[in-house]
């Protein structure tokens, strides 16, 4: 029983930003020139990416930090692959918005 409690507590702590998570999205976030970017926020955004995006999607999403025009181009594309990616990306941004407030 203690083990279950300990694991649950650790999961809650990590999901609240208590642990730092690294990855391509967090690295791109940290490297961006956005004033709000900090290790805690970028780690949280990476956690959302880990939940909602597979590896290739994370790499593509990371590119948007450096090139917002690319995000616009993908969104406006008529490609079925880009449309499918955009749906996954929208889910990621919604999840990050809910997880990483405040």
Protein backbone atom coordinates (compact mmCIF):
# COMPACT_ATOMS: atom_id res chain seq x y z
CA UNK A 1 0.00 0.00 0.00
CA UNK A 2 2.83 2.42 0.81
CA UNK A 3 4.40 1.70 -2.57
CA UNK A 4 1.19 2.62 -4.40
CA UNK A 5 0.92 5.82 -2.38
CA UNK A 6 4.57 6.72 -3.06
CA UNK A 7 4.22 6.13 -6.80
CA UNK A 8 0.99 8.14 -6.90
CA UNK A 9 2.58 11.01 -5.00
CA UNK A 10 5.57 11.03 -7.35
CA UNK A 11 3.31 11.08 -10.42
CA UNK A 12 1.38 14.01 -9.01
CA UNK A 13 4.59 15.87 -8.18
CA UNK A 14 6.02 15.36 -11.66
CA UNK A 15 2.77 16.37 -13.36
CA UNK A 16 2.76 19.59 -11.35
CA UNK A 17 6.22 20.55 -12.52
CA UNK A 18 8.14 19.24 -9.53
CA UNK A 19 10.44 17.23 -11.80
CA UNK A 20 12.18 18.49 -14.89
CA UNK A 21 11.51 16.73 -18.17
CA UNK A 22 13.74 17.24 -21.18
CA UNK A 23 13.16 16.60 -24.86
CA UNK A 24 13.10 18.35 -28.21
CA UNK A 25 10.05 20.46 -27.33
CA UNK A 26 11.50 21.61 -23.99
CA UNK A 27 14.82 22.42 -25.65
CA UNK A 28 13.11 24.44 -28.39
CA UNK A 29 11.02 26.22 -25.79
CA UNK A 30 14.11 27.12 -23.75
CA UNK A 31 15.94 28.33 -26.87
CA UNK A 32 13.04 30.52 -27.99
CA UNK A 33 13.11 34.25 -27.47
CA UNK A 34 9.80 34.25 -25.62
CA UNK A 35 9.97 36.14 -22.35
CA UNK A 36 7.78 33.62 -20.50
CA UNK A 37 10.03 30.66 -21.39
CA UNK A 38 11.66 29.17 -18.31
CA UNK A 39 12.77 25.69 -17.24
CA UNK A 40 9.59 24.95 -15.30
CA UNK A 41 7.22 26.01 -18.09
CA UNK A 42 9.24 24.34 -20.85
CA UNK A 43 9.41 21.11 -18.82
CA UNK A 44 5.64 21.18 -18.40
CA UNK A 45 5.15 21.76 -22.12
CA UNK A 46 7.44 18.79 -22.81
CA UNK A 47 5.32 16.65 -20.47
CA UNK A 48 2.23 17.60 -22.50
CA UNK A 49 4.10 16.71 -25.68
CA UNK A 50 5.08 13.34 -24.23
CA UNK A 51 1.43 12.61 -23.49
CA UNK A 52 -0.03 13.75 -26.81
CA UNK A 53 2.63 13.58 -29.55
CA UNK A 54 4.82 10.83 -30.91
CA UNK A 55 8.51 11.48 -31.59
CA UNK A 56 8.23 12.75 -35.17
CA UNK A 57 5.36 15.03 -34.19
CA UNK A 58 7.39 16.41 -31.28
CA UNK A 59 10.24 17.28 -33.64
CA UNK A 60 7.85 19.04 -36.01
CA UNK A 61 6.18 20.93 -33.15
CA UNK A 62 9.59 21.96 -31.80
CA UNK A 63 10.35 23.66 -35.12
CA UNK A 64 7.39 26.00 -34.54
CA UNK A 65 9.21 27.70 -31.65
CA UNK A 66 11.89 28.96 -34.03
CA UNK A 67 9.66 29.43 -37.07
CA UNK A 68 6.04 30.40 -36.30
CA UNK A 69 5.43 30.83 -40.03
CA UNK A 70 5.94 27.09 -40.42
CA UNK A 71 3.04 26.48 -38.01
CA UNK A 72 0.85 28.77 -40.10
CA UNK A 73 1.89 26.99 -43.30
CA UNK A 74 1.09 23.58 -41.82
CA UNK A 75 -2.27 24.78 -40.53
CA UNK A 76 -3.23 26.27 -43.90
CA UNK A 77 -2.00 23.28 -45.89
CA UNK A 78 -4.51 21.11 -47.74
CA UNK A 79 -2.41 17.98 -47.23
CA UNK A 80 -4.18 15.14 -45.42
CA UNK A 81 -0.97 14.40 -43.50
CA UNK A 82 -0.70 18.02 -42.34
CA UNK A 83 -4.38 18.06 -41.39
CA UNK A 84 -3.91 14.94 -39.27
CA UNK A 85 -0.78 16.40 -37.68
CA UNK A 86 -2.60 19.65 -36.94
CA UNK A 87 -5.33 17.79 -35.07
CA UNK A 88 -2.69 16.09 -32.91
CA UNK A 89 -0.88 19.41 -32.46
CA UNK A 90 -4.11 21.14 -31.40
CA UNK A 91 -4.66 18.40 -28.82
CA UNK A 92 -1.10 19.00 -27.58
CA UNK A 93 -1.57 22.77 -27.27
CA UNK A 94 -4.90 22.33 -25.49
CA UNK A 95 -3.33 19.82 -23.09
CA UNK A 96 -0.31 22.06 -22.46
CA UNK A 97 -2.61 24.99 -21.84
CA UNK A 98 -4.50 23.05 -19.18
CA UNK A 99 -1.44 21.48 -17.56
CA UNK A 100 0.94 24.42 -17.57
CA UNK A 101 -1.11 27.34 -16.33
CA UNK A 102 0.21 29.53 -13.75
